[in-house]
Amino acid sequence: MCMKKLFLTLLFIGAIFTNIDAQNNIKKNENSFIKDRISFNIGGGYNSRPSYYEYDRIVMSFEGLYGFNNWLEAGAYFSYLTESFVNTYYCEPGRVNVLDYGLKGRAHILPLIIKPSFYMVDIYGNLEVGGHSVFYRNRMGMNIDNNTQFCVNAGGGIGFNFNKFFGIFYECNYSNIYKLNHRYGFMFRF
């Protein structure tokens, strides 16, 4: 765990110095890389909430956001989690499927402070509001304790943009459902 923290810290420091160097060496462009562009984020994630089953887990997330100005994006998000479980009442193995969906807003911090808007390192805050639906299914085909709840997820993230069209991101958020949760993946902007 300590080695992982050291690696992430060194990666973050390297990204900052790369960003500063790149900004000093490229021609300044006042055109926004956010405004009137559509970004798609595809990734995985993990919630820090303990689970009784939590094995054979698959997590996928998708976002489509539109840039309204130099610093604000908004759009829709969808996340899918599936994992195996053992139902203690029926002693039957099964699978749980969780869907998170709704609207998302993202505020980019650096374009508010510094011109131009494109930076290799992107720091942002985000807010998601939507639904959280859980579907349990065992081998007998019985649906058990299916439910849907209102969900609010807020936090921040950091992205590393290789260019204006492609990058990677990491988010750390807090939710009324998952408590602390993490998301990471690839960003495509058109």
N, C-alpha and C. Protein backbone atom coordinates (compact mmCIF):
# COMPACT_ATOMS: atom_id res chain seq x y z
N MET A 1 0.82 -1.19 0.00
CA MET A 1 0.00 0.00 0.00
C MET A 1 0.87 1.26 0.00
N CYS A 2 1.97 1.22 0.75
CA CYS A 2 2.86 2.38 0.83
C CYS A 2 3.49 2.64 -0.54
N MET A 3 3.86 1.55 -1.24
CA MET A 3 4.46 1.69 -2.56
C MET A 3 3.47 2.31 -3.54
N LYS A 4 2.21 1.95 -3.43
CA LYS A 4 1.18 2.50 -4.31
C LYS A 4 1.03 4.00 -4.07
N LYS A 5 1.02 4.42 -2.80
CA LYS A 5 0.91 5.85 -2.48
C LYS A 5 2.12 6.62 -3.00
N LEU A 6 3.29 6.04 -2.86
CA LEU A 6 4.51 6.68 -3.36
C LEU A 6 4.45 6.84 -4.88
N PHE A 7 4.03 5.79 -5.58
CA PHE A 7 3.91 5.83 -7.03
C PHE A 7 2.92 6.91 -7.46
N LEU A 8 1.74 6.96 -6.83
CA LEU A 8 0.74 7.96 -7.19
C LEU A 8 1.23 9.38 -6.90
N THR A 9 1.95 9.57 -5.80
CA THR A 9 2.50 10.88 -5.46
C THR A 9 3.52 11.32 -6.51
N LEU A 10 4.42 10.41 -6.88
CA LEU A 10 5.42 10.73 -7.91
C LEU A 10 4.77 11.01 -9.26
N LEU A 11 3.75 10.25 -9.61
CA LEU A 11 3.02 10.48 -10.85
C LEU A 11 2.36 11.85 -10.85
N PHE A 12 1.76 12.23 -9.72
CA PHE A 12 1.11 13.54 -9.59
C PHE A 12 2.13 14.66 -9.71
N ILE A 13 3.26 14.55 -9.04
CA ILE A 13 4.30 15.58 -9.11
C ILE A 13 4.84 15.68 -10.54
N GLY A 14 5.07 14.54 -11.17
CA GLY A 14 5.55 14.54 -12.55
C GLY A 14 4.56 15.19 -13.50
N ALA A 15 3.28 14.93 -13.28
CA ALA A 15 2.24 15.52 -14.13
C ALA A 15 2.21 17.04 -13.98
N ILE A 16 2.40 17.54 -12.77
CA ILE A 16 2.40 18.98 -12.54
C ILE A 16 3.57 19.63 -13.28
N PHE A 17 4.78 19.06 -13.14
CA PHE A 17 5.94 19.63 -13.83
C PHE A 17 5.80 19.53 -15.34
N THR A 18 5.25 18.43 -15.84
CA THR A 18 5.00 18.29 -17.28
C THR A 18 4.03 19.35 -17.76
N ASN A 19 3.00 19.60 -16.97
CA ASN A 19 2.00 20.60 -17.32
C ASN A 19 2.62 22.00 -17.36
N ILE A 20 3.41 22.34 -16.38
CA ILE A 20 4.04 23.67 -16.33
C ILE A 20 4.97 23.83 -17.53
N ASP A 21 5.78 22.81 -17.82
CA ASP A 21 6.70 22.87 -18.94
C ASP A 21 5.96 22.99 -20.26
N ALA A 22 4.91 22.22 -20.43
CA ALA A 22 4.13 22.26 -21.67
C ALA A 22 3.48 23.62 -21.87
N GLN A 23 2.99 24.21 -20.82
CA GLN A 23 2.33 25.51 -20.93
C GLN A 23 3.33 26.59 -21.29
N ASN A 24 4.58 26.45 -20.86
CA ASN A 24 5.60 27.44 -21.19
C ASN A 24 6.11 27.29 -22.62
N ASN A 25 6.00 26.08 -23.19
CA ASN A 25 6.59 25.82 -24.51
C ASN A 25 5.60 25.83 -25.66
N ILE A 26 4.30 25.81 -25.41
CA ILE A 26 3.35 25.80 -26.51
C ILE A 26 2.78 27.20 -26.73
N LYS A 27 2.30 27.40 -27.94
CA LYS A 27 1.66 28.68 -28.26
C LYS A 27 0.34 28.76 -27.49
N LYS A 28 0.14 29.86 -26.82
CA LYS A 28 -1.08 30.05 -26.05
C LYS A 28 -2.28 30.14 -26.98
N ASN A 29 -3.32 29.40 -26.66
CA ASN A 29 -4.52 29.37 -27.47
C ASN A 29 -5.70 29.72 -26.58
N GLU A 30 -6.40 30.77 -26.92
CA GLU A 30 -7.51 31.20 -26.09
C GLU A 30 -8.79 30.40 -26.35
N ASN A 31 -8.81 29.52 -27.36
CA ASN A 31 -9.99 28.70 -27.61
C ASN A 31 -10.17 27.67 -26.50
N SER A 32 -11.37 27.53 -26.05
CA SER A 32 -11.65 26.62 -24.96
C SER A 32 -11.64 25.17 -25.44
N PHE A 33 -11.11 24.28 -24.61
CA PHE A 33 -11.20 22.87 -24.93
C PHE A 33 -12.43 22.25 -24.26
N ILE A 34 -13.25 23.06 -23.59
CA ILE A 34 -14.46 22.57 -22.94
C ILE A 34 -15.71 23.10 -23.64
N LYS A 35 -15.74 24.41 -23.92
CA LYS A 35 -16.94 25.03 -24.47
C LYS A 35 -17.34 24.42 -25.82
N ASP A 36 -18.63 24.12 -25.94
CA ASP A 36 -19.23 23.57 -27.16
C ASP A 36 -18.62 22.24 -27.58
N ARG A 37 -18.04 21.52 -26.65
CA ARG A 37 -17.48 20.20 -26.94
C ARG A 37 -18.22 19.15 -26.10
N ILE A 38 -18.21 17.95 -26.61
CA ILE A 38 -18.83 16.83 -25.90
C ILE A 38 -17.72 15.92 -25.41
N SER A 39 -17.77 15.56 -24.13
CA SER A 39 -16.79 14.62 -23.60
C SER A 39 -17.50 13.35 -23.15
N PHE A 40 -16.82 12.23 -23.41
CA PHE A 40 -17.29 10.92 -22.98
C PHE A 40 -16.26 10.33 -22.05
N ASN A 41 -16.70 9.87 -20.91
CA ASN A 41 -15.82 9.21 -19.96
C ASN A 41 -16.25 7.76 -19.83
N ILE A 42 -15.30 6.87 -19.95
CA ILE A 42 -15.55 5.44 -19.82
C ILE A 42 -14.59 4.92 -18.77
N GLY A 43 -15.11 4.19 -17.79
CA GLY A 43 -14.19 3.71 -16.77
C GLY A 43 -14.77 2.67 -15.86
N GLY A 44 -14.05 2.47 -14.79
CA GLY A 44 -14.44 1.54 -13.74
C GLY A 44 -14.53 2.29 -12.44
N GLY A 45 -14.71 1.56 -11.37
CA GLY A 45 -14.80 2.22 -10.08
C GLY A 45 -14.89 1.23 -8.96
N TYR A 46 -14.94 1.77 -7.76
CA TYR A 46 -15.02 0.93 -6.57
C TYR A 46 -15.67 1.74 -5.46
N ASN A 47 -16.61 1.14 -4.74
CA ASN A 47 -17.14 1.83 -3.57
C ASN A 47 -16.47 1.28 -2.33
N SER A 48 -16.23 2.13 -1.37
CA SER A 48 -15.52 1.73 -0.16
C SER A 48 -16.44 1.18 0.90
N ARG A 49 -17.71 1.09 0.60
CA ARG A 49 -18.67 0.54 1.55
C ARG A 49 -18.47 -0.97 1.64
N PRO A 50 -18.31 -1.53 2.84
CA PRO A 50 -18.11 -2.97 2.95
C PRO A 50 -19.33 -3.75 2.46
N SER A 51 -19.07 -4.92 1.90
CA SER A 51 -20.13 -5.76 1.37
C SER A 51 -19.94 -7.18 1.86
N TYR A 52 -21.03 -7.91 2.01
CA TYR A 52 -20.95 -9.29 2.46
C TYR A 52 -20.52 -10.24 1.35
N TYR A 53 -20.79 -9.86 0.11
CA TYR A 53 -20.50 -10.77 -1.00
C TYR A 53 -19.24 -10.33 -1.71
N GLU A 54 -19.24 -9.22 -2.37
CA GLU A 54 -18.09 -8.56 -2.97
C GLU A 54 -17.04 -9.51 -3.57
N TYR A 55 -17.46 -10.39 -4.43
CA TYR A 55 -16.51 -11.16 -5.22
C TYR A 55 -17.08 -11.33 -6.62
N ASP A 56 -16.20 -11.64 -7.56
CA ASP A 56 -16.60 -11.73 -8.96
C ASP A 56 -17.29 -10.42 -9.37
N ARG A 57 -16.66 -9.30 -9.02
CA ARG A 57 -17.25 -7.97 -9.22
C ARG A 57 -16.81 -7.36 -10.54
N ILE A 58 -17.75 -6.72 -11.22
CA ILE A 58 -17.49 -5.97 -12.44
C ILE A 58 -18.15 -4.60 -12.27
N VAL A 59 -17.39 -3.53 -12.54
CA VAL A 59 -17.92 -2.17 -12.44
C VAL A 59 -17.58 -1.42 -13.72
N MET A 60 -18.59 -0.78 -14.31
CA MET A 60 -18.39 0.03 -15.52
C MET A 60 -19.14 1.35 -15.34
N SER A 61 -18.58 2.43 -15.86
CA SER A 61 -19.26 3.71 -15.79
C SER A 61 -19.12 4.44 -17.13
N PHE A 62 -20.15 5.20 -17.46
CA PHE A 62 -20.20 5.97 -18.71
C PHE A 62 -20.76 7.35 -18.40
N GLU A 63 -20.19 8.37 -19.03
CA GLU A 63 -20.68 9.74 -18.89
C GLU A 63 -20.65 10.43 -20.24
N GLY A 64 -21.63 11.25 -20.49
CA GLY A 64 -21.64 12.11 -21.66
C GLY A 64 -21.93 13.53 -21.19
N LEU A 65 -20.96 14.43 -21.36
CA LEU A 65 -21.08 15.79 -20.85
C LEU A 65 -20.89 16.80 -21.98
N TYR A 66 -21.63 17.90 -21.91
CA TYR A 66 -21.53 18.99 -22.87
C TYR A 66 -20.95 20.22 -22.18
N GLY A 67 -19.98 20.88 -22.82
CA GLY A 67 -19.35 22.07 -22.27
C GLY A 67 -20.15 23.32 -22.56
N PHE A 68 -20.72 23.94 -21.53
CA PHE A 68 -21.52 25.15 -21.70
C PHE A 68 -20.67 26.40 -21.81
N ASN A 69 -19.54 26.40 -21.13
CA ASN A 69 -18.61 27.53 -21.23
C ASN A 69 -17.20 27.00 -20.99
N ASN A 70 -16.29 27.89 -20.63
CA ASN A 70 -14.88 27.53 -20.47
C ASN A 70 -14.60 26.64 -19.26
N TRP A 71 -15.54 26.54 -18.31
CA TRP A 71 -15.27 25.82 -17.08
C TRP A 71 -16.38 24.88 -16.62
N LEU A 72 -17.56 24.89 -17.25
CA LEU A 72 -18.69 24.09 -16.78
C LEU A 72 -19.17 23.09 -17.83
N GLU A 73 -19.30 21.84 -17.42
CA GLU A 73 -19.85 20.77 -18.25
C GLU A 73 -21.03 20.14 -17.51
N ALA A 74 -22.01 19.66 -18.24
CA ALA A 74 -23.13 18.95 -17.62
C ALA A 74 -23.67 17.93 -18.62
N GLY A 75 -24.29 16.89 -18.08
CA GLY A 75 -24.84 15.85 -18.93
C GLY A 75 -25.38 14.70 -18.12
N ALA A 76 -25.30 13.51 -18.69
CA ALA A 76 -25.87 12.31 -18.06
C ALA A 76 -24.75 11.34 -17.70
N TYR A 77 -25.02 10.53 -16.68
CA TYR A 77 -24.09 9.47 -16.28
C TYR A 77 -24.86 8.17 -16.09
N PHE A 78 -24.14 7.08 -16.24
CA PHE A 78 -24.69 5.75 -16.04
C PHE A 78 -23.57 4.86 -15.51
N SER A 79 -23.85 4.12 -14.45
CA SER A 79 -22.87 3.22 -13.86
C SER A 79 -23.53 1.87 -13.62
N TYR A 80 -22.79 0.80 -13.88
CA TYR A 80 -23.31 -0.56 -13.72
C TYR A 80 -22.33 -1.36 -12.87
N LEU A 81 -22.83 -1.98 -11.82
CA LEU A 81 -22.04 -2.84 -10.95
C LEU A 81 -22.75 -4.19 -10.87
N THR A 82 -22.01 -5.26 -11.00
CA THR A 82 -22.57 -6.60 -10.80
C THR A 82 -21.57 -7.42 -10.01
N GLU A 83 -22.07 -8.24 -9.10
CA GLU A 83 -21.21 -9.11 -8.31
C GLU A 83 -22.00 -10.31 -7.82
N SER A 84 -21.29 -11.37 -7.49
CA SER A 84 -21.92 -12.59 -6.99
C SER A 84 -22.21 -12.46 -5.51
N PHE A 85 -23.22 -13.21 -5.04
CA PHE A 85 -23.53 -13.24 -3.62
C PHE A 85 -24.11 -14.60 -3.27
N VAL A 86 -24.15 -14.87 -1.97
CA VAL A 86 -24.80 -16.07 -1.47
C VAL A 86 -25.93 -15.61 -0.57
N ASN A 87 -27.15 -16.01 -0.91
CA ASN A 87 -28.33 -15.66 -0.11
C ASN A 87 -28.37 -16.59 1.10
N THR A 88 -28.21 -16.02 2.28
CA THR A 88 -28.16 -16.85 3.50
C THR A 88 -29.52 -17.45 3.85
N TYR A 89 -30.61 -16.83 3.44
CA TYR A 89 -31.94 -17.37 3.75
C TYR A 89 -32.24 -18.61 2.91
N TYR A 90 -31.95 -18.52 1.60
CA TYR A 90 -32.22 -19.63 0.70
C TYR A 90 -31.00 -20.53 0.48
N CYS A 91 -29.83 -20.10 0.96
CA CYS A 91 -28.56 -20.80 0.73
C CYS A 91 -28.34 -21.03 -0.77
N GLU A 92 -28.72 -20.07 -1.55
CA GLU A 92 -28.60 -20.13 -3.01
C GLU A 92 -27.66 -19.03 -3.47
N PRO A 93 -26.70 -19.37 -4.31
CA PRO A 93 -25.88 -18.29 -4.90
C PRO A 93 -26.70 -17.50 -5.90
N GLY A 94 -26.31 -16.29 -6.10
CA GLY A 94 -27.01 -15.43 -7.05
C GLY A 94 -26.13 -14.29 -7.48
N ARG A 95 -26.75 -13.30 -8.06
CA ARG A 95 -26.02 -12.15 -8.57
C ARG A 95 -26.81 -10.88 -8.23
N VAL A 96 -26.10 -9.83 -7.88
CA VAL A 96 -26.73 -8.54 -7.66
C VAL A 96 -26.28 -7.60 -8.78
N ASN A 97 -27.22 -6.85 -9.33
CA ASN A 97 -26.95 -5.86 -10.36
C ASN A 97 -27.38 -4.51 -9.82
N VAL A 98 -26.49 -3.53 -9.91
CA VAL A 98 -26.76 -2.19 -9.39
C VAL A 98 -26.59 -1.18 -10.53
N LEU A 99 -27.61 -0.36 -10.74
CA LEU A 99 -27.57 0.69 -11.74
C LEU A 99 -27.61 2.04 -11.05
N ASP A 100 -26.69 2.91 -11.39
CA ASP A 100 -26.70 4.30 -10.94
C ASP A 100 -26.82 5.16 -12.19
N TYR A 101 -27.72 6.14 -12.18
CA TYR A 101 -28.00 6.92 -13.38
C TYR A 101 -28.55 8.28 -12.97
N GLY A 102 -28.36 9.26 -13.85
CA GLY A 102 -28.89 10.58 -13.55
C GLY A 102 -28.15 11.68 -14.28
N LEU A 103 -28.15 12.86 -13.68
CA LEU A 103 -27.52 14.05 -14.26
C LEU A 103 -26.24 14.39 -13.51
N LYS A 104 -25.26 14.88 -14.25
CA LYS A 104 -23.96 15.20 -13.66
C LYS A 104 -23.52 16.58 -14.11
N GLY A 105 -22.92 17.33 -13.19
CA GLY A 105 -22.29 18.61 -13.49
C GLY A 105 -20.85 18.58 -13.05
N ARG A 106 -20.00 19.22 -13.84
CA ARG A 106 -18.57 19.24 -13.51
C ARG A 106 -18.05 20.66 -13.69
N ALA A 107 -17.39 21.20 -12.65
CA ALA A 107 -16.78 22.54 -12.70
C ALA A 107 -15.26 22.40 -12.69
N HIS A 108 -14.62 22.88 -13.75
CA HIS A 108 -13.17 22.82 -13.89
C HIS A 108 -12.56 24.04 -13.21
N ILE A 109 -11.61 23.81 -12.33
CA ILE A 109 -11.05 24.88 -11.49
C ILE A 109 -10.04 25.76 -12.23
N LEU A 110 -9.07 25.16 -12.91
CA LEU A 110 -7.99 25.95 -13.52
C LEU A 110 -8.46 26.98 -14.54
N PRO A 111 -9.43 26.68 -15.42
CA PRO A 111 -9.86 27.72 -16.38
C PRO A 111 -10.48 28.95 -15.72
N LEU A 112 -10.92 28.82 -14.47
CA LEU A 112 -11.44 29.98 -13.75
C LEU A 112 -10.33 30.92 -13.30
N ILE A 113 -9.13 30.36 -13.16
CA ILE A 113 -8.02 31.14 -12.61
C ILE A 113 -7.01 31.55 -13.68
N ILE A 114 -6.74 30.63 -14.62
CA ILE A 114 -5.64 30.82 -15.57
C ILE A 114 -6.16 30.68 -17.00
N LYS A 115 -5.65 31.49 -17.91
CA LYS A 115 -5.93 31.36 -19.33
C LYS A 115 -4.72 30.74 -19.99
N PRO A 116 -4.82 29.96 -21.02
CA PRO A 116 -5.99 29.44 -21.72
C PRO A 116 -6.64 28.31 -20.93
N SER A 117 -7.67 27.71 -21.51
CA SER A 117 -8.42 26.70 -20.76
C SER A 117 -7.77 25.33 -20.78
N PHE A 118 -6.91 25.02 -21.76
CA PHE A 118 -6.35 23.68 -21.83
C PHE A 118 -5.10 23.55 -20.98
N TYR A 119 -5.13 22.57 -20.11
CA TYR A 119 -3.98 22.21 -19.30
C TYR A 119 -3.88 20.71 -19.27
N MET A 120 -2.67 20.21 -19.22
CA MET A 120 -2.50 18.75 -19.18
C MET A 120 -3.09 18.18 -17.90
N VAL A 121 -2.97 18.93 -16.81
CA VAL A 121 -3.58 18.50 -15.56
C VAL A 121 -4.87 19.29 -15.37
N ASP A 122 -5.94 18.58 -15.14
CA ASP A 122 -7.27 19.19 -14.99
C ASP A 122 -7.82 18.83 -13.61
N ILE A 123 -8.11 19.83 -12.80
CA ILE A 123 -8.68 19.62 -11.46
C ILE A 123 -10.12 20.11 -11.50
N TYR A 124 -11.04 19.30 -11.01
CA TYR A 124 -12.45 19.65 -11.11
C TYR A 124 -13.25 19.14 -9.92
N GLY A 125 -14.40 19.76 -9.71
CA GLY A 125 -15.39 19.29 -8.74
C GLY A 125 -16.59 18.80 -9.52
N ASN A 126 -17.33 17.85 -8.94
CA ASN A 126 -18.50 17.34 -9.65
C ASN A 126 -19.65 17.03 -8.70
N LEU A 127 -20.84 16.97 -9.29
CA LEU A 127 -22.06 16.65 -8.54
C LEU A 127 -22.94 15.78 -9.43
N GLU A 128 -23.39 14.65 -8.88
CA GLU A 128 -24.31 13.74 -9.57
C GLU A 128 -25.59 13.63 -8.76
N VAL A 129 -26.73 13.69 -9.45
CA VAL A 129 -28.03 13.55 -8.81
C VAL A 129 -28.84 12.58 -9.67
N GLY A 130 -29.37 11.53 -9.04
CA GLY A 130 -30.12 10.56 -9.83
C GLY A 130 -30.66 9.41 -9.02
N GLY A 131 -30.76 8.26 -9.65
CA GLY A 131 -31.33 7.08 -9.05
C GLY A 131 -30.29 6.00 -8.83
N HIS A 132 -30.60 5.11 -7.89
CA HIS A 132 -29.76 3.97 -7.53
C HIS A 132 -30.69 2.77 -7.44
N SER A 133 -30.62 1.87 -8.43
CA SER A 133 -31.52 0.71 -8.48
C SER A 133 -30.73 -0.56 -8.27
N VAL A 134 -31.26 -1.43 -7.40
CA VAL A 134 -30.61 -2.69 -7.05
C VAL A 134 -31.53 -3.84 -7.43
N PHE A 135 -30.97 -4.83 -8.14
CA PHE A 135 -31.73 -6.01 -8.56
C PHE A 135 -30.97 -7.27 -8.16
N TYR A 136 -31.55 -8.04 -7.26
CA TYR A 136 -30.98 -9.33 -6.85
C TYR A 136 -31.65 -10.43 -7.66
N ARG A 137 -30.89 -11.43 -8.03
CA ARG A 137 -31.46 -12.58 -8.74
C ARG A 137 -30.69 -13.82 -8.35
N ASN A 138 -31.41 -14.88 -7.93
CA ASN A 138 -30.73 -16.13 -7.61
C ASN A 138 -31.00 -17.16 -8.70
N ARG A 139 -30.44 -18.34 -8.56
CA ARG A 139 -30.56 -19.37 -9.59
C ARG A 139 -31.99 -19.86 -9.77
N MET A 140 -32.81 -19.72 -8.76
CA MET A 140 -34.21 -20.14 -8.87
C MET A 140 -35.02 -19.10 -9.64
N GLY A 141 -34.39 -18.01 -10.03
CA GLY A 141 -35.08 -16.98 -10.79
C GLY A 141 -35.87 -16.01 -9.94
N MET A 142 -35.69 -16.08 -8.64
CA MET A 142 -36.46 -15.20 -7.74
C MET A 142 -35.75 -13.86 -7.61
N ASN A 143 -36.51 -12.79 -7.69
CA ASN A 143 -36.00 -11.46 -7.41
C ASN A 143 -36.21 -11.18 -5.93
N ILE A 144 -35.15 -10.79 -5.24
CA ILE A 144 -35.20 -10.61 -3.79
C ILE A 144 -34.80 -9.18 -3.45
N ASP A 145 -35.61 -8.49 -2.70
CA ASP A 145 -35.26 -7.16 -2.18
C ASP A 145 -34.84 -6.15 -3.25
N ASN A 146 -35.47 -6.16 -4.40
CA ASN A 146 -35.18 -5.15 -5.41
C ASN A 146 -35.65 -3.80 -4.91
N ASN A 147 -34.87 -2.74 -5.18
CA ASN A 147 -35.27 -1.42 -4.72
C ASN A 147 -34.61 -0.33 -5.54
N THR A 148 -35.19 0.86 -5.47
CA THR A 148 -34.64 2.05 -6.11
C THR A 148 -34.65 3.19 -5.10
N GLN A 149 -33.54 3.94 -5.03
CA GLN A 149 -33.41 5.04 -4.08
C GLN A 149 -32.89 6.29 -4.81
N PHE A 150 -33.12 7.45 -4.20
CA PHE A 150 -32.56 8.70 -4.67
C PHE A 150 -31.09 8.75 -4.26
N CYS A 151 -30.22 9.22 -5.15
CA CYS A 151 -28.79 9.22 -4.87
C CYS A 151 -28.17 10.58 -5.20
N VAL A 152 -27.32 11.07 -4.31
CA VAL A 152 -26.53 12.28 -4.53
C VAL A 152 -25.07 11.89 -4.31
N ASN A 153 -24.22 12.23 -5.27
CA ASN A 153 -22.81 11.88 -5.22
C ASN A 153 -22.01 13.14 -5.55
N ALA A 154 -21.14 13.57 -4.66
CA ALA A 154 -20.37 14.80 -4.87
C ALA A 154 -18.92 14.57 -4.50
N GLY A 155 -18.04 15.28 -5.18
CA GLY A 155 -16.62 15.15 -4.88
C GLY A 155 -15.77 15.91 -5.87
N GLY A 156 -14.59 15.38 -6.11
CA GLY A 156 -13.66 16.03 -7.02
C GLY A 156 -12.84 15.01 -7.77
N GLY A 157 -12.12 15.52 -8.74
CA GLY A 157 -11.30 14.63 -9.54
C GLY A 157 -10.11 15.34 -10.13
N ILE A 158 -9.25 14.53 -10.70
CA ILE A 158 -8.08 15.05 -11.40
C ILE A 158 -7.96 14.27 -12.71
N GLY A 159 -7.69 15.01 -13.77
CA GLY A 159 -7.49 14.38 -15.06
C GLY A 159 -6.12 14.71 -15.60
N PHE A 160 -5.59 13.82 -16.39
CA PHE A 160 -4.33 14.08 -17.09
C PHE A 160 -4.64 13.97 -18.57
N ASN A 161 -4.55 15.09 -19.29
CA ASN A 161 -4.89 15.15 -20.71
C ASN A 161 -3.62 15.00 -21.54
N PHE A 162 -3.58 13.96 -22.36
CA PHE A 162 -2.45 13.77 -23.26
C PHE A 162 -2.50 14.79 -24.40
N ASN A 163 -3.72 15.16 -24.80
CA ASN A 163 -3.95 16.24 -25.76
C ASN A 163 -5.37 16.75 -25.51
N LYS A 164 -5.90 17.60 -26.39
CA LYS A 164 -7.23 18.17 -26.16
C LYS A 164 -8.35 17.17 -26.39
N PHE A 165 -8.04 16.00 -26.87
CA PHE A 165 -9.07 15.03 -27.24
C PHE A 165 -9.05 13.74 -26.43
N PHE A 166 -7.99 13.49 -25.67
CA PHE A 166 -7.87 12.22 -24.95
C PHE A 166 -7.13 12.41 -23.65
N GLY A 167 -7.61 11.72 -22.60
CA GLY A 167 -6.95 11.78 -21.31
C GLY A 167 -7.41 10.66 -20.39
N ILE A 168 -6.88 10.67 -19.18
CA ILE A 168 -7.29 9.73 -18.14
C ILE A 168 -7.76 10.54 -16.94
N PHE A 169 -8.59 9.92 -16.08
CA PHE A 169 -9.10 10.65 -14.92
C PHE A 169 -9.22 9.74 -13.70
N TYR A 170 -9.25 10.37 -12.54
CA TYR A 170 -9.52 9.71 -11.26
C TYR A 170 -10.42 10.63 -10.45
N GLU A 171 -11.50 10.06 -9.88
CA GLU A 171 -12.41 10.84 -9.03
C GLU A 171 -12.56 10.16 -7.68
N CYS A 172 -12.69 10.97 -6.66
CA CYS A 172 -13.01 10.51 -5.32
C CYS A 172 -14.26 11.27 -4.89
N ASN A 173 -15.33 10.55 -4.59
CA ASN A 173 -16.61 11.16 -4.29
C ASN A 173 -17.18 10.61 -3.00
N TYR A 174 -18.20 11.30 -2.50
CA TYR A 174 -18.93 10.85 -1.31
C TYR A 174 -20.41 10.83 -1.67
N SER A 175 -21.08 9.73 -1.34
CA SER A 175 -22.46 9.53 -1.73
C SER A 175 -23.32 9.14 -0.54
N ASN A 176 -24.63 9.43 -0.63
CA ASN A 176 -25.53 8.99 0.43
C ASN A 176 -25.76 7.48 0.37
N ILE A 177 -25.39 6.81 -0.71
CA ILE A 177 -25.54 5.37 -0.84
C ILE A 177 -24.23 4.65 -0.55
N TYR A 178 -23.17 5.01 -1.28
CA TYR A 178 -21.89 4.30 -1.20
C TYR A 178 -20.93 4.87 -0.17
N LYS A 179 -21.24 6.01 0.39
CA LYS A 179 -20.30 6.76 1.22
C LYS A 179 -19.11 7.13 0.34
N LEU A 180 -17.89 6.71 0.70
CA LEU A 180 -16.71 7.03 -0.09
C LEU A 180 -16.64 6.10 -1.30
N ASN A 181 -16.44 6.67 -2.50
CA ASN A 181 -16.33 5.84 -3.70
C ASN A 181 -15.34 6.46 -4.66
N HIS A 182 -14.80 5.62 -5.53
CA HIS A 182 -13.74 6.01 -6.45
C HIS A 182 -14.14 5.65 -7.88
N ARG A 183 -13.71 6.46 -8.82
CA ARG A 183 -13.97 6.19 -10.24
C ARG A 183 -12.72 6.58 -11.02
N TYR A 184 -12.39 5.83 -12.05
CA TYR A 184 -11.20 6.08 -12.86
C TYR A 184 -11.47 5.59 -14.27
N GLY A 185 -10.73 6.11 -15.23
CA GLY A 185 -10.93 5.65 -16.59
C GLY A 185 -10.37 6.59 -17.64
N PHE A 186 -10.96 6.53 -18.83
CA PHE A 186 -10.51 7.28 -20.00
C PHE A 186 -11.51 8.37 -20.36
N MET A 187 -10.99 9.49 -20.86
CA MET A 187 -11.81 10.62 -21.28
C MET A 187 -11.56 10.86 -22.77
N PHE A 188 -12.65 11.00 -23.53
CA PHE A 188 -12.59 11.35 -24.95
C PHE A 188 -13.40 12.61 -25.15
N ARG A 189 -12.83 13.60 -25.86
CA ARG A 189 -13.53 14.87 -26.06
C ARG A 189 -13.56 15.20 -27.56
N PHE A 190 -14.74 15.59 -28.05
CA PHE A 190 -14.92 15.89 -29.48
C PHE A 190 -15.43 17.31 -29.66
